[in-house]
Protein backbone atom coordinates (compact mmCIF):
# COMPACT_ATOMS: atom_id res chain seq x y z
CA MET A 1 -17.56 23.84 19.00
CA SER A 2 -14.06 22.37 19.31
CA VAL A 3 -12.71 19.68 16.98
CA LYS A 4 -13.04 17.07 19.73
CA GLU A 5 -16.62 18.11 20.46
CA TYR A 6 -17.56 17.92 16.78
CA ILE A 7 -16.16 14.39 16.60
CA GLN A 8 -17.94 13.33 19.75
CA THR A 9 -21.26 14.70 18.45
CA ASN A 10 -20.90 12.94 15.08
CA ARG A 11 -19.17 9.69 16.06
CA GLU A 12 -21.99 7.39 14.99
CA ARG A 13 -22.64 9.23 11.73
CA PHE A 14 -18.97 8.98 10.77
CA LEU A 15 -19.07 5.24 11.35
CA ASP A 16 -22.33 4.82 9.45
CA GLU A 17 -20.84 6.58 6.43
CA LEU A 18 -17.71 4.42 6.58
CA PHE A 19 -19.76 1.23 6.92
CA SER A 20 -21.88 2.16 3.89
CA LEU A 21 -18.67 2.18 1.83
CA ILE A 22 -17.23 -1.00 3.31
CA ARG A 23 -20.40 -2.91 2.42
CA ILE A 24 -19.60 -2.37 -1.27
CA PRO A 25 -17.08 -5.12 -2.20
CA SER A 26 -14.92 -2.95 -4.45
CA VAL A 27 -12.28 -5.59 -5.24
CA SER A 28 -10.34 -4.32 -8.24
CA ALA A 29 -8.45 -7.59 -8.78
CA GLN A 30 -11.61 -9.57 -9.54
CA HIS A 31 -13.65 -8.94 -12.67
CA GLU A 32 -16.91 -10.00 -11.06
CA HIS A 33 -16.75 -6.84 -8.92
CA LYS A 34 -16.66 -4.45 -11.88
CA GLU A 35 -20.11 -3.06 -11.09
CA ASP A 36 -19.16 -2.71 -7.42
CA MET A 37 -16.27 -0.47 -8.45
CA MET A 38 -18.63 1.97 -10.12
CA ALA A 39 -21.11 1.77 -7.24
CA CYS A 40 -18.38 2.58 -4.73
CA ALA A 41 -17.12 5.51 -6.81
CA GLN A 42 -20.62 6.95 -7.09
CA HIS A 43 -21.19 6.52 -3.37
CA TRP A 44 -18.00 8.42 -2.62
CA THR A 45 -19.29 11.41 -4.59
CA LYS A 46 -22.36 11.56 -2.34
CA ILE A 47 -20.21 11.48 0.80
CA LEU A 48 -17.86 14.17 -0.51
CA LEU A 49 -20.77 16.46 -1.38
CA SER A 50 -22.47 15.94 1.97
CA SER A 51 -19.13 16.64 3.70
CA GLY A 52 -18.85 20.07 2.08
CA ALA A 53 -17.23 19.63 -1.32
CA ASP A 54 -18.56 22.02 -3.97
CA LYS A 55 -18.10 19.41 -6.65
CA ALA A 56 -17.72 15.63 -6.75
CA VAL A 57 -17.84 13.59 -9.94
CA VAL A 58 -16.95 10.17 -11.29
CA MET A 59 -14.44 10.46 -14.14
CA PRO A 60 -13.57 7.68 -16.60
CA THR A 61 -10.16 6.11 -17.12
CA LYS A 62 -9.05 3.17 -19.25
CA GLY A 63 -9.83 1.04 -16.21
CA ASN A 64 -11.86 1.74 -13.10
CA PRO A 65 -13.13 5.31 -12.70
CA VAL A 66 -11.59 8.07 -10.61
CA VAL A 67 -13.54 10.10 -8.08
CA TYR A 68 -12.69 13.80 -8.22
CA GLY A 69 -13.94 16.40 -5.75
CA GLU A 70 -13.02 19.93 -4.76
CA LYS A 71 -13.66 22.78 -2.37
CA MET A 72 -12.24 25.98 -3.84
CA VAL A 73 -12.09 28.67 -1.16
CA SER A 74 -9.97 31.26 -2.99
CA PRO A 75 -7.51 31.23 -5.91
CA GLU A 76 -5.13 33.18 -3.67
CA LEU A 77 -4.82 30.33 -1.18
CA PRO A 78 -2.63 27.21 -1.47
CA THR A 79 -4.24 23.96 -2.60
CA VAL A 80 -4.04 20.52 -1.00
CA LEU A 81 -4.72 17.49 -3.19
CA VAL A 82 -5.96 14.55 -1.10
CA TYR A 83 -5.27 11.15 -2.67
CA SER A 84 -6.77 7.83 -1.66
CA HIS A 85 -8.13 4.66 -3.23
CA TYR A 86 -11.55 3.05 -2.95
CA ASP A 87 -10.55 -0.41 -4.16
CA VAL A 88 -9.66 -3.14 -1.68
CA MET A 89 -7.78 -6.41 -1.73
CA PRO A 90 -9.67 -9.71 -2.23
CA ALA A 91 -11.01 -11.03 1.08
CA GLU A 92 -10.09 -14.67 0.46
CA PRO A 93 -9.64 -17.00 2.25
CA PHE A 94 -13.09 -16.29 3.66
CA GLU A 95 -12.97 -19.16 6.16
CA LEU A 96 -10.24 -17.39 8.15
CA TRP A 97 -12.40 -14.35 8.90
CA LYS A 98 -14.04 -14.19 12.32
CA SER A 99 -16.81 -12.01 10.87
CA GLU A 100 -18.06 -11.24 7.38
CA PRO A 101 -15.39 -9.19 5.55
CA PHE A 102 -17.86 -6.83 3.89
CA GLU A 103 -20.23 -6.52 6.84
CA PRO A 104 -18.32 -4.31 9.31
CA GLU A 105 -18.43 -5.26 12.95
CA ILE A 106 -17.24 -3.45 16.07
CA ARG A 107 -15.70 -5.55 18.81
CA ASP A 108 -12.80 -5.16 21.22
CA GLY A 109 -12.55 -1.45 20.40
CA ARG A 110 -11.93 -2.10 16.71
CA ILE A 111 -13.69 -1.93 13.35
CA TRP A 112 -13.34 -5.34 11.64
CA ALA A 113 -13.82 -5.47 7.87
CA ARG A 114 -12.00 -5.47 4.55
CA GLY A 115 -11.07 -1.83 3.97
CA ALA A 116 -11.44 -0.84 7.62
CA ASP A 117 -7.89 0.49 7.37
CA ASP A 118 -6.74 0.08 3.75
CA ASP A 119 -8.00 2.40 2.58
CA LYS A 120 -11.65 3.19 3.16
CA GLY A 121 -11.10 3.86 6.85
CA GLN A 122 -8.16 6.15 6.21
CA ALA A 123 -9.92 7.89 3.31
CA MET A 124 -12.89 8.56 5.57
CA ILE A 125 -10.48 10.05 8.13
CA GLN A 126 -9.38 12.54 5.48
CA VAL A 127 -12.90 13.43 4.39
CA LYS A 128 -14.31 13.84 7.90
CA GLY A 129 -11.27 15.87 8.98
CA PHE A 130 -11.93 18.13 6.00
CA GLU A 131 -15.61 18.38 6.95
CA ILE A 132 -14.77 19.52 10.47
CA ALA A 133 -12.20 22.06 9.25
CA LEU A 134 -14.75 23.49 6.83
CA LYS A 135 -17.69 23.60 9.25
CA GLU A 136 -15.61 25.03 12.10
CA GLY A 137 -13.89 27.71 10.01
CA LEU A 138 -10.41 26.17 10.19
CA LEU A 139 -9.91 25.71 6.46
CA GLN A 140 -7.26 28.11 5.11
CA CYS A 141 -6.65 26.45 1.74
CA ASN A 142 -8.38 24.92 -1.25
CA VAL A 143 -8.88 21.17 -1.17
CA LYS A 144 -9.09 18.72 -4.07
CA PHE A 145 -9.76 14.99 -3.82
CA ILE A 146 -8.68 12.21 -6.16
CA PHE A 147 -9.77 8.69 -5.20
CA GLU A 148 -8.77 5.90 -7.60
CA GLY A 149 -10.07 2.37 -8.01
CA GLU A 150 -6.91 0.52 -9.04
CA GLU A 151 -4.28 1.07 -6.35
CA GLU A 152 -4.36 -2.57 -5.25
CA ILE A 153 -3.51 -3.68 -8.79
CA GLY A 154 -0.72 -1.17 -9.35
CA SER A 155 -2.63 1.95 -10.52
CA PRO A 156 -2.33 1.09 -14.24
CA SER A 157 -4.69 3.86 -15.40
CA LEU A 158 -3.84 6.72 -13.06
CA GLU A 159 -0.66 8.05 -14.69
CA ALA A 160 -2.48 8.62 -17.99
CA PHE A 161 -5.35 10.25 -16.05
CA CYS A 162 -2.92 12.61 -14.32
CA ILE A 163 -1.27 13.55 -17.60
CA GLU A 164 -4.64 14.23 -19.23
CA HIS A 165 -5.96 16.23 -16.27
CA LYS A 166 -2.75 17.88 -15.11
CA GLU A 167 -4.35 21.34 -14.87
CA LEU A 168 -7.36 20.04 -12.94
CA LEU A 169 -5.06 18.37 -10.39
CA LYS A 170 -2.81 21.39 -9.95
CA ALA A 171 -1.94 21.80 -6.25
CA ASP A 172 0.82 22.78 -3.86
CA VAL A 173 1.07 19.51 -1.96
CA ILE A 174 -0.53 16.07 -1.88
CA LEU A 175 -1.85 14.62 1.37
CA VAL A 176 -2.17 10.85 1.68
CA SER A 177 -3.46 8.60 4.46
CA ASP A 178 -2.49 5.11 3.30
CA THR A 179 0.47 4.30 5.55
CA SER A 180 1.03 3.04 9.07
CA MET A 181 2.62 4.31 12.27
CA VAL A 182 5.37 2.78 14.36
CA SER A 183 2.97 1.59 17.06
CA ALA A 184 -0.17 2.53 18.98
CA GLU A 185 2.02 4.30 21.54
CA ILE A 186 4.34 6.03 19.07
CA PRO A 187 2.74 8.25 16.41
CA SER A 188 4.83 8.74 13.28
CA LEU A 189 4.84 10.30 9.84
CA THR A 190 6.15 8.32 6.90
CA THR A 191 9.05 10.06 5.16
CA GLY A 192 9.98 7.32 2.70
CA LEU A 193 8.47 4.40 0.78
CA ARG A 194 10.08 1.55 -1.07
CA GLY A 195 9.48 0.97 -4.76
CA LEU A 196 8.14 -2.26 -6.21
CA ALA A 197 8.63 -4.60 -9.16
CA TYR A 198 6.33 -7.60 -9.68
CA TRP A 199 6.40 -10.55 -12.11
CA ASP A 200 4.51 -13.68 -13.04
CA LEU A 201 6.77 -16.63 -13.89
CA GLU A 202 5.85 -19.79 -15.78
CA VAL A 203 8.25 -22.73 -16.10
CA THR A 204 7.43 -25.44 -18.65
CA GLY A 205 9.08 -28.83 -18.94
CA PRO A 206 7.49 -31.71 -20.87
CA ASN A 207 4.47 -31.10 -23.08
CA ARG A 208 2.14 -32.88 -20.63
CA ASP A 209 2.09 -34.24 -17.09
CA LEU A 210 4.14 -37.43 -16.93
CA HIS A 211 4.14 -40.58 -14.80
CA SER A 212 6.80 -39.93 -12.15
CA GLY A 213 7.80 -43.60 -12.12
CA HIS A 214 8.32 -43.82 -15.87
CA PHE A 215 9.97 -40.42 -16.30
CA GLY A 216 11.27 -39.38 -12.86
CA GLY A 217 15.06 -39.01 -12.92
CA ALA A 218 15.14 -38.72 -16.72
CA VAL A 219 13.14 -35.52 -17.28
CA ALA A 220 13.55 -32.22 -15.44
CA ASN A 221 10.69 -31.46 -13.06
CA PRO A 222 9.57 -27.80 -13.59
CA ILE A 223 8.69 -27.43 -9.91
CA ASN A 224 12.16 -28.59 -8.85
CA VAL A 225 13.76 -26.21 -11.35
CA LEU A 226 11.58 -23.31 -10.26
CA CYS A 227 12.37 -23.88 -6.59
CA LYS A 228 16.12 -23.91 -7.27
CA LEU A 229 15.95 -20.79 -9.43
CA MET A 230 14.08 -18.96 -6.70
CA ALA A 231 16.30 -20.22 -3.88
CA ASP A 232 19.43 -19.08 -5.69
CA ILE A 233 18.25 -15.47 -5.93
CA THR A 234 19.17 -14.82 -2.28
CA ASP A 235 22.32 -16.00 -0.55
CA ALA A 236 22.96 -17.10 3.03
CA ASP A 237 23.49 -13.46 4.08
CA GLY A 238 20.13 -12.34 2.70
CA ARG A 239 21.71 -10.55 -0.29
CA ILE A 240 20.05 -10.64 -3.71
CA THR A 241 22.44 -12.35 -6.14
CA ILE A 242 21.27 -10.82 -9.42
CA PRO A 243 24.34 -9.08 -10.93
CA GLY A 244 24.03 -5.29 -10.78
CA PHE A 245 20.97 -5.35 -8.51
CA TYR A 246 22.60 -3.11 -5.88
CA ASP A 247 24.30 -0.71 -8.32
CA ASP A 248 21.74 2.09 -7.77
CA VAL A 249 20.80 1.35 -4.16
CA GLU A 250 20.84 4.51 -2.07
CA GLU A 251 22.93 3.95 1.04
CA VAL A 252 21.31 5.46 4.10
CA SER A 253 23.52 8.02 5.81
CA PRO A 254 25.04 7.33 9.24
CA ALA A 255 22.88 10.13 10.65
CA GLU A 256 19.67 8.52 9.42
CA ARG A 257 20.80 5.10 10.63
CA GLU A 258 21.27 6.65 14.08
CA MET A 259 17.76 8.10 13.87
CA ILE A 260 16.34 4.69 12.92
CA ALA A 261 18.21 3.10 15.83
CA LYS A 262 16.44 5.50 18.21
CA ILE A 263 12.97 4.32 17.14
CA PRO A 264 11.57 2.22 19.99
CA PHE A 265 11.47 -1.36 18.76
CA ASP A 266 11.04 -4.58 20.70
CA GLU A 267 12.29 -7.44 18.55
CA GLU A 268 10.87 -10.09 20.88
CA LYS A 269 7.38 -8.58 20.64
CA TYR A 270 7.80 -8.29 16.88
CA LYS A 271 8.59 -12.01 16.62
CA ALA A 272 5.84 -12.97 19.03
CA ALA A 273 3.24 -10.99 17.10
CA ILE A 274 3.87 -13.03 13.95
CA GLU A 275 4.78 -16.24 15.83
CA VAL A 276 8.29 -16.82 14.50
CA ASP A 277 11.30 -17.90 16.53
CA GLU A 278 13.93 -16.10 14.49
CA LEU A 279 14.15 -13.21 12.04
CA PHE A 280 16.10 -13.24 8.81
CA GLY A 281 17.34 -10.51 6.50
CA GLU A 282 20.31 -8.84 4.89
CA LYS A 283 23.44 -9.16 7.02
CA GLY A 284 24.78 -5.94 8.49
CA TYR A 285 21.46 -4.16 8.92
CA SER A 286 18.89 -3.95 11.71
CA THR A 287 15.34 -5.23 11.30
CA LEU A 288 13.95 -1.71 10.94
CA GLU A 289 16.55 -0.92 8.28
CA ARG A 290 15.87 -4.14 6.39
CA ASN A 291 12.13 -3.56 6.17
CA SER A 292 12.24 0.13 5.27
CA CYS A 293 15.38 1.32 3.49
CA ARG A 294 16.92 -1.87 2.04
CA PRO A 295 15.62 -3.82 -0.96
CA SER A 296 14.07 -7.27 -0.60
CA PHE A 297 13.01 -10.26 -2.71
CA ASP A 298 9.94 -12.42 -2.07
CA ILE A 299 8.04 -15.25 -3.71
CA CYS A 300 4.42 -14.24 -3.18
CA GLY A 301 2.92 -17.44 -4.54
CA ILE A 302 4.17 -20.72 -5.99
CA TRP A 303 2.26 -23.71 -7.34
CA GLY A 304 2.16 -26.56 -9.84
CA GLY A 305 1.41 -30.25 -10.17
CA TYR A 306 -1.20 -32.11 -8.16
CA THR A 307 -2.40 -30.46 -4.95
CA GLY A 308 -5.69 -32.28 -4.40
CA GLU A 309 -6.63 -34.87 -1.81
CA GLY A 310 -4.51 -37.96 -1.56
CA SER A 311 -1.50 -38.71 -3.78
CA LYS A 312 -0.89 -38.61 -7.50
CA THR A 313 2.53 -39.68 -8.78
CA VAL A 314 2.90 -37.06 -11.45
CA LEU A 315 5.82 -35.14 -12.91
CA PRO A 316 4.08 -31.87 -13.83
CA SER A 317 4.34 -30.10 -17.14
CA LYS A 318 4.30 -26.63 -15.61
CA ALA A 319 5.13 -24.67 -12.47
CA TYR A 320 4.24 -21.10 -11.61
CA ALA A 321 5.32 -18.32 -9.26
CA LYS A 322 4.39 -14.74 -8.44
CA ILE A 323 7.41 -12.71 -7.41
CA SER A 324 8.06 -9.24 -6.04
CA THR A 325 10.99 -7.09 -5.04
CA ARG A 326 10.78 -4.05 -2.82
CA LEU A 327 13.13 -1.37 -4.07
CA VAL A 328 14.69 1.73 -2.52
CA PRO A 329 15.01 5.28 -3.90
CA ASN A 330 17.27 5.52 -6.98
CA GLN A 331 16.43 1.96 -8.06
CA ASP A 332 14.39 2.19 -11.28
CA TYR A 333 11.80 -0.56 -11.39
CA HIS A 334 11.89 -0.71 -15.19
CA LYS A 335 15.60 -1.46 -15.00
CA ILE A 336 15.03 -4.09 -12.30
CA LEU A 337 12.28 -5.75 -14.35
CA ALA A 338 14.66 -6.10 -17.32
CA MET A 339 17.55 -7.20 -15.09
CA PHE A 340 15.45 -9.94 -13.48
CA GLU A 341 14.28 -11.28 -16.84
CA ALA A 342 17.83 -11.38 -18.23
CA TYR A 343 19.11 -13.13 -15.11
CA LEU A 344 16.44 -15.85 -15.13
CA LYS A 345 16.78 -16.58 -18.84
CA LYS A 346 20.51 -17.06 -18.36
CA ALA A 347 20.16 -19.09 -15.15
CA ALA A 348 17.39 -21.42 -16.35
CA PRO A 349 18.62 -24.83 -17.65
CA LYS A 350 17.83 -25.89 -21.21
CA SER A 351 15.66 -28.66 -19.80
CA VAL A 352 12.83 -26.14 -19.29
CA LYS A 353 11.34 -23.09 -20.98
CA ILE A 354 10.51 -20.00 -18.94
CA LYS A 355 8.01 -17.24 -19.53
CA ILE A 356 8.35 -14.02 -17.51
CA THR A 357 5.48 -11.54 -17.51
CA PRO A 358 6.08 -8.19 -15.78
CA SER A 359 2.97 -7.23 -13.82
CA HIS A 360 3.41 -3.79 -12.27
CA GLY A 361 5.83 -1.64 -10.37
CA GLY A 362 6.70 1.78 -9.04
CA GLN A 363 9.56 3.92 -7.82
CA GLY A 364 10.52 4.66 -4.21
CA TYR A 365 9.85 8.03 -2.60
CA VAL A 366 11.41 10.28 0.04
CA CYS A 367 9.57 13.27 1.61
CA PRO A 368 11.56 16.31 2.81
CA ILE A 369 10.73 17.04 6.45
CA ASP A 370 11.06 20.81 5.98
CA LEU A 371 7.96 21.10 3.79
CA PRO A 372 5.34 23.49 5.26
CA ALA A 373 2.72 20.76 4.86
CA TYR A 374 4.93 18.26 6.68
CA LYS A 375 5.40 20.72 9.54
CA ALA A 376 1.62 21.26 9.67
CA ALA A 377 1.00 17.49 9.76
CA GLU A 378 3.63 17.06 12.47
CA LYS A 379 2.01 19.71 14.68
CA ALA A 380 -1.51 18.43 13.99
CA MET A 381 -0.69 14.85 14.96
CA GLY A 382 1.09 16.14 18.05
CA ILE A 383 -2.16 17.81 19.13
CA ALA A 384 -4.32 14.72 18.47
CA PHE A 385 -1.96 12.08 19.88
CA GLY A 386 -0.35 14.10 22.65
CA LYS A 387 3.22 13.69 21.40
CA THR A 388 5.26 14.79 18.39
CA PRO A 389 5.31 12.09 15.70
CA LEU A 390 8.58 10.47 14.66
CA ALA A 391 9.81 10.75 11.08
CA VAL A 392 10.28 7.21 9.75
CA ARG A 393 10.69 5.38 6.48
CA ARG A 394 8.29 2.53 5.82
CA GLY A 395 8.76 -0.65 3.83
CA GLY A 396 5.55 -0.58 1.80
CA SER A 397 5.00 0.81 -1.67
CA ILE A 398 2.51 3.27 -3.12
CA PRO A 399 3.73 3.40 -6.72
CA ILE A 400 1.58 6.36 -7.70
CA ILE A 401 3.35 8.66 -5.20
CA SER A 402 6.51 8.83 -7.33
CA THR A 403 4.30 9.25 -10.42
CA PHE A 404 2.64 12.28 -8.85
CA GLU A 405 6.04 13.86 -8.37
CA GLN A 406 7.14 13.09 -11.93
CA VAL A 407 3.89 14.08 -13.68
CA LEU A 408 2.41 16.78 -11.43
CA GLY A 409 5.64 18.06 -9.92
CA ILE A 410 4.18 17.89 -6.40
CA LYS A 411 5.61 16.48 -3.17
CA THR A 412 3.48 14.22 -0.98
CA VAL A 413 3.04 14.20 2.79
CA LEU A 414 2.24 10.70 4.05
CA MET A 415 -0.03 11.15 7.06
CA GLY A 416 -1.19 7.62 7.75
CA PHE A 417 -2.99 6.16 10.76
CA GLY A 418 -2.66 2.42 10.24
CA LEU A 419 -0.89 -0.10 12.46
CA GLU A 420 0.87 -3.34 11.58
CA GLN A 421 -1.62 -5.18 13.81
CA ASN A 422 -4.46 -3.99 11.55
CA ALA A 423 -3.66 -6.89 9.18
CA ILE A 424 -4.27 -5.08 5.91
CA HIS A 425 -4.43 -7.43 2.90
CA SER A 426 -5.05 -10.31 5.32
CA PRO A 427 -8.15 -11.92 6.85
CA ASN A 428 -9.52 -10.02 9.86
CA GLU A 429 -8.39 -6.56 8.78
CA SER A 430 -9.26 -3.97 11.40
CA MET A 431 -8.76 -0.45 12.70
CA MET A 432 -8.81 0.82 16.26
CA LEU A 433 -11.80 3.09 16.87
CA ASP A 434 -9.58 5.39 18.90
CA PHE A 435 -7.19 5.81 15.98
CA PHE A 436 -10.07 6.45 13.57
CA TYR A 437 -11.21 9.41 15.65
CA LYS A 438 -7.70 10.67 16.45
CA GLY A 439 -6.94 10.52 12.75
CA ILE A 440 -9.96 12.70 12.00
CA GLU A 441 -8.83 15.14 14.66
CA SER A 442 -5.32 15.19 13.17
CA VAL A 443 -6.60 16.05 9.70
CA ALA A 444 -8.85 18.81 11.02
CA GLU A 445 -5.91 20.27 12.93
CA PHE A 446 -3.74 19.98 9.80
CA TYR A 447 -6.06 22.38 8.03
CA ARG A 448 -5.87 24.77 10.99
CA GLU A 449 -2.06 24.75 10.70
CA TYR A 450 -1.55 24.69 6.94
CA LYS A 451 -1.61 28.12 5.36
């Protein structure tokens, strides 16, 4: 039967298999879900085997386990390594969900659940596309799978795993579905990702919380100091003020800027979708340039003092922040981590003590569009979506992608099927049913095209 017919015949089964994974709350950031991580990994092995893999096993790391699977057709054929992750972001705040985050629900043509898109839905797209290619005789390569359980916390164990199992993971190209497309009407392939550096910051003033009447105006308030330190990191033009921060920034060529300018983009719809009246970013660049090929700085969380009901006139002892920067190719996140720490220690007044704890990071990545696998993905998505996908850079980060290139020496094709409206990492994450099935069709057609 045709790829479309196979999908139509197995639509409900594909969803049932996805839902069985989503119901396992594999939240890597929370220790109480440690057993769920192992349960999810083991469940993935069953799905890989039933989908046609010859082998699927759970392999240990220093952290959460890795799922490895393979279908070896012939040593003479090229090999595709499919990467994904089975861990998901925490679902909190639960009260903002319209349905239970780990009990998938279909409504309005969408799958609603944590992991519906990122990345259980997209991983299932890869596995079911592989199943169809195998069952329908389209597979013209070997396929390996590596699904990790720590992507949402920065993949701390995967580099060591790759080094240890370099021969096992040997392949010609890596295929990843963990990115998004321009819009529902405009299919696209991601050709670049930003890097990431992340810190935890603690600012300490007095040795205990103080009465704000007795001490206010005489003792530095750590929250006030923290807010000023953070505010000073970007200027009125949206530029990051840390000395040397832009030294290694790769300037996008005029030709690529022209290509970005041709991407259909409605700024009014963009603002309306997130309910803001005005956008802000680095002066001299368009919105699409700012959120894909320029670096950025963000405070991801900030707290301190009394935040309970009513009032409490307190000058707090401590203030905290979680901070990230998105980086572009050529910016080394290790260098940025050190640069940020040096800057803050110099900028902080003597009235407080600061503690900076680097959390995680990763390098940026650019995919050549002349790779045979990229060409196969481009043609495959054209078949499934009815139009040739655009080549675009995206603003997100998948730190392990650059690690794959450094450790395994393999380029990655980013064949993602998410949409911004899918609200990954947020309450009410979802995926369009239509995109789920078109994604499966795209992957099956990829294997027809890739030789």
